[in-house]
Amino acid sequence: MEEPLSDYHAITRLKRGDLTGLDALIERYQLRAVRATYLIVRDRPLAEDIVQESFVQLVRKIHKFDQARPFPPWFFRCVTNDALKAVQRQKRQVSLDGAESTHDTGLLAVLQDPQPSPEAQAIQAETCQEVWQALEKLTLEQRTVIVQRYYLGLSESEMSAALQRPAGTVKWLLHIARKRLHGLLAVFAPLAVPEEE
């Protein structure tokens, strides 16, 4: 069985026009990108479309990527920026029928372990629902910084670059978002997002 391509080799191939490099990157990062995007946009089909378009853009922009740097932070910055733009576009659109959009209930299916016991499934579903409801109560910027920091693992400097905001603003947004989540998830104290130094 052939070993999977490293990011470096996949990007090298992609820069030469070999799409097997793209296949390797999709295989490695698509699921995580869709989940992160979903947490921001709260619409599964839209999240999938955004990530698909991000991979198309990746092919067009890959020559700009510096291979001396790690690929995931760069790619996830692009994906979260695309998600933010999509939410902002949606906010500017007015529904013709005035009906409120319903949220995709597929989040639980995305986040759940495929083999938990029925009791564990019930507890996990309740916890996921509580976390989801808490995330929905955050502002778009707060939700985005929580996803970038705790789901994607971006550093504050990477988040600052992705959001095109000063590092102090990003730090403040994280502080406010964590504080808000602590309050909203007080019943799940052990699960609360830890305060960083």
Protein backbone atom coordinates (compact mmCIF):
# COMPACT_ATOMS: atom_id res chain seq x y z
CA MET A 1 0.00 0.00 0.00
CA GLU A 2 1.33 3.42 -0.99
CA GLU A 3 2.14 5.84 1.83
CA PRO A 4 0.14 9.07 1.84
CA LEU A 5 1.91 12.16 0.55
CA SER A 6 3.22 14.61 3.11
CA ASP A 7 1.88 18.17 2.88
CA TYR A 8 5.22 19.28 1.44
CA HIS A 9 5.19 16.68 -1.35
CA ALA A 10 1.47 17.18 -2.05
CA ILE A 11 2.01 20.94 -2.43
CA THR A 12 5.09 20.40 -4.59
CA ARG A 13 3.04 18.21 -6.93
CA LEU A 14 0.17 20.69 -6.93
CA LYS A 15 2.52 23.55 -7.83
CA ARG A 16 3.66 21.48 -10.82
CA GLY A 17 0.03 21.04 -11.88
CA ASP A 18 -0.30 17.45 -10.63
CA LEU A 19 -3.75 17.15 -9.03
CA THR A 20 -2.78 14.06 -7.03
CA GLY A 21 -1.31 16.63 -4.65
CA LEU A 22 -4.75 18.19 -4.28
CA ASP A 23 -6.31 14.77 -3.67
CA ALA A 24 -3.93 14.19 -0.75
CA LEU A 25 -4.75 17.58 0.80
CA ILE A 26 -8.50 17.04 0.38
CA GLU A 27 -8.22 13.61 1.98
CA ARG A 28 -6.33 15.06 4.94
CA TYR A 29 -8.16 18.36 5.57
CA GLN A 30 -11.65 18.32 4.04
CA LEU A 31 -13.58 16.88 6.99
CA ARG A 32 -11.95 19.20 9.52
CA ALA A 33 -12.51 22.19 7.23
CA VAL A 34 -16.20 21.34 6.74
CA ARG A 35 -16.72 20.92 10.48
CA ALA A 36 -15.01 24.23 11.27
CA THR A 37 -16.95 26.03 8.56
CA TYR A 38 -20.20 24.50 9.76
CA LEU A 39 -19.56 25.79 13.26
CA ILE A 40 -19.32 29.30 11.80
CA VAL A 41 -22.06 29.31 9.15
CA ARG A 42 -24.48 26.82 10.83
CA ASP A 43 -25.57 25.41 7.48
CA ARG A 44 -24.13 22.07 6.35
CA PRO A 45 -24.67 22.38 2.57
CA LEU A 46 -23.26 25.91 2.66
CA ALA A 47 -20.25 24.72 4.69
CA GLU A 48 -19.57 21.97 2.14
CA ASP A 49 -19.86 24.46 -0.73
CA ILE A 50 -17.49 26.90 0.97
CA VAL A 51 -14.86 24.22 1.56
CA GLN A 52 -15.19 22.91 -1.99
CA GLU A 53 -14.65 26.44 -3.31
CA SER A 54 -11.69 26.87 -0.91
CA PHE A 55 -10.02 23.84 -2.48
CA VAL A 56 -10.69 25.24 -5.98
CA GLN A 57 -9.12 28.54 -4.88
CA LEU A 58 -6.23 26.58 -3.38
CA VAL A 59 -5.32 25.30 -6.84
CA ARG A 60 -5.32 28.88 -8.15
CA LYS A 61 -3.36 30.35 -5.21
CA ILE A 62 -0.95 27.54 -4.36
CA HIS A 63 1.96 29.24 -6.12
CA LYS A 64 1.73 32.00 -3.45
CA PHE A 65 2.14 29.53 -0.59
CA ASP A 66 5.58 29.48 1.08
CA GLN A 67 6.40 25.80 1.68
CA ALA A 68 8.75 26.71 4.52
CA ARG A 69 5.62 27.45 6.57
CA PRO A 70 3.06 24.90 7.84
CA PHE A 71 0.14 24.38 5.48
CA PRO A 72 -2.84 23.86 7.88
CA PRO A 73 -2.88 27.35 9.49
CA TRP A 74 -2.64 29.01 6.07
CA PHE A 75 -5.40 26.87 4.58
CA PHE A 76 -7.73 27.15 7.58
CA ARG A 77 -7.29 30.95 7.59
CA CYS A 78 -8.53 30.94 3.98
CA VAL A 79 -11.46 28.67 4.86
CA THR A 80 -12.57 30.70 7.90
CA ASN A 81 -12.29 33.94 5.92
CA ASP A 82 -14.51 32.41 3.21
CA ALA A 83 -17.00 31.31 5.90
CA LEU A 84 -17.11 34.81 7.40
CA LYS A 85 -17.70 36.35 3.97
CA ALA A 86 -20.52 33.89 3.31
CA VAL A 87 -22.27 34.74 6.60
CA GLN A 88 -21.91 38.44 5.92
CA ARG A 89 -23.38 37.97 2.42
CA GLN A 90 -26.32 36.04 3.93
CA LYS A 91 -26.98 38.83 6.42
CA ARG A 92 -27.29 41.30 3.55
CA GLN A 93 -29.82 39.12 1.75
CA VAL A 94 -33.50 39.53 2.58
CA SER A 95 -35.75 36.48 2.57
CA LEU A 96 -38.67 36.86 0.16
CA ASP A 97 -41.02 34.76 2.27
CA GLY A 98 -39.88 36.18 5.62
CA ALA A 99 -39.50 32.70 7.07
CA GLU A 100 -36.65 32.12 9.47
CA SER A 101 -34.08 29.59 8.35
CA THR A 102 -33.95 26.31 10.21
CA HIS A 103 -30.62 25.06 11.47
CA ASP A 104 -29.25 21.83 10.15
CA THR A 105 -29.63 19.23 12.86
CA GLY A 106 -26.75 17.29 11.30
CA LEU A 107 -24.26 18.85 13.76
CA LEU A 108 -24.83 16.05 16.22
CA ALA A 109 -24.16 13.47 13.51
CA VAL A 110 -20.95 15.28 12.58
CA LEU A 111 -19.63 15.55 16.13
CA GLN A 112 -20.71 12.19 17.55
CA ASP A 113 -18.46 9.18 17.95
CA PRO A 114 -19.66 6.48 15.52
CA GLN A 115 -19.71 3.70 18.17
CA PRO A 116 -20.94 5.12 21.52
CA SER A 117 -23.35 3.25 23.80
CA PRO A 118 -27.00 4.41 23.88
CA GLU A 119 -26.43 6.09 27.27
CA ALA A 120 -23.26 7.78 26.04
CA GLN A 121 -25.14 8.87 22.89
CA ALA A 122 -27.87 10.49 24.98
CA ILE A 123 -25.35 12.34 27.17
CA GLN A 124 -23.28 13.36 24.17
CA ALA A 125 -26.35 14.58 22.26
CA GLU A 126 -27.44 16.70 25.23
CA THR A 127 -23.94 18.13 25.65
CA CYS A 128 -23.57 18.85 21.93
CA GLN A 129 -26.96 20.55 21.91
CA GLU A 130 -25.99 22.74 24.89
CA VAL A 131 -22.66 23.66 23.31
CA TRP A 132 -24.35 24.35 19.98
CA GLN A 133 -26.94 26.60 21.62
CA ALA A 134 -24.19 28.44 23.49
CA LEU A 135 -22.21 28.96 20.28
CA GLU A 136 -25.33 30.32 18.57
CA LYS A 137 -25.65 32.96 21.29
CA LEU A 138 -22.18 34.32 20.54
CA THR A 139 -21.68 37.04 17.96
CA LEU A 140 -20.28 35.98 14.59
CA GLU A 141 -16.82 37.33 15.51
CA GLN A 142 -16.86 35.61 18.90
CA ARG A 143 -17.95 32.29 17.38
CA THR A 144 -15.26 32.61 14.70
CA VAL A 145 -12.41 33.19 17.16
CA ILE A 146 -13.58 30.26 19.32
CA VAL A 147 -13.62 27.97 16.26
CA GLN A 148 -10.25 29.23 15.05
CA ARG A 149 -8.57 28.91 18.44
CA TYR A 150 -10.10 25.75 19.91
CA TYR A 151 -11.22 23.74 16.90
CA LEU A 152 -8.58 24.65 14.34
CA GLY A 153 -5.82 25.31 16.88
CA LEU A 154 -4.68 28.58 15.32
CA SER A 155 -2.40 30.80 17.38
CA GLU A 156 -3.45 34.35 18.21
CA SER A 157 -0.99 35.70 15.64
CA GLU A 158 -2.42 33.39 12.96
CA MET A 159 -5.93 34.48 13.93
CA SER A 160 -4.86 38.12 13.77
CA ALA A 161 -3.59 37.58 10.22
CA ALA A 162 -6.72 35.65 9.20
CA LEU A 163 -9.11 38.25 10.57
CA GLN A 164 -6.92 41.18 9.56
CA ARG A 165 -7.29 42.55 13.07
CA PRO A 166 -4.63 43.71 15.56
CA ALA A 167 -3.42 41.05 17.98
CA GLY A 168 -4.88 43.01 20.91
CA THR A 169 -8.33 42.97 19.32
CA VAL A 170 -8.14 39.22 18.74
CA LYS A 171 -7.03 38.67 22.34
CA TRP A 172 -9.95 40.82 23.56
CA LEU A 173 -12.45 38.97 21.32
CA LEU A 174 -11.20 35.63 22.67
CA HIS A 175 -11.45 36.87 26.25
CA ILE A 176 -15.03 38.11 25.76
CA ALA A 177 -16.07 34.96 23.88
CA ARG A 178 -14.61 32.66 26.55
CA LYS A 179 -16.24 34.68 29.32
CA ARG A 180 -19.59 34.48 27.55
CA LEU A 181 -19.23 30.73 26.98
CA HIS A 182 -18.30 30.21 30.65
CA GLY A 183 -21.56 31.87 31.62
CA LEU A 184 -23.65 30.01 29.05
CA LEU A 185 -22.10 26.63 29.88
CA ALA A 186 -21.97 27.02 33.67
CA VAL A 187 -23.89 23.76 34.11
CA PHE A 188 -21.08 21.99 32.20
CA ALA A 189 -18.27 23.54 34.28
CA PRO A 190 -15.74 20.78 33.49
CA LEU A 191 -16.31 21.36 29.76
CA ALA A 192 -15.94 25.13 29.91
CA VAL A 193 -13.32 26.65 27.66
CA PRO A 194 -10.16 27.25 29.74
CA GLU A 195 -8.94 30.79 30.26
CA GLU A 196 -5.53 31.30 28.70
CA GLU A 197 -2.63 33.20 30.18
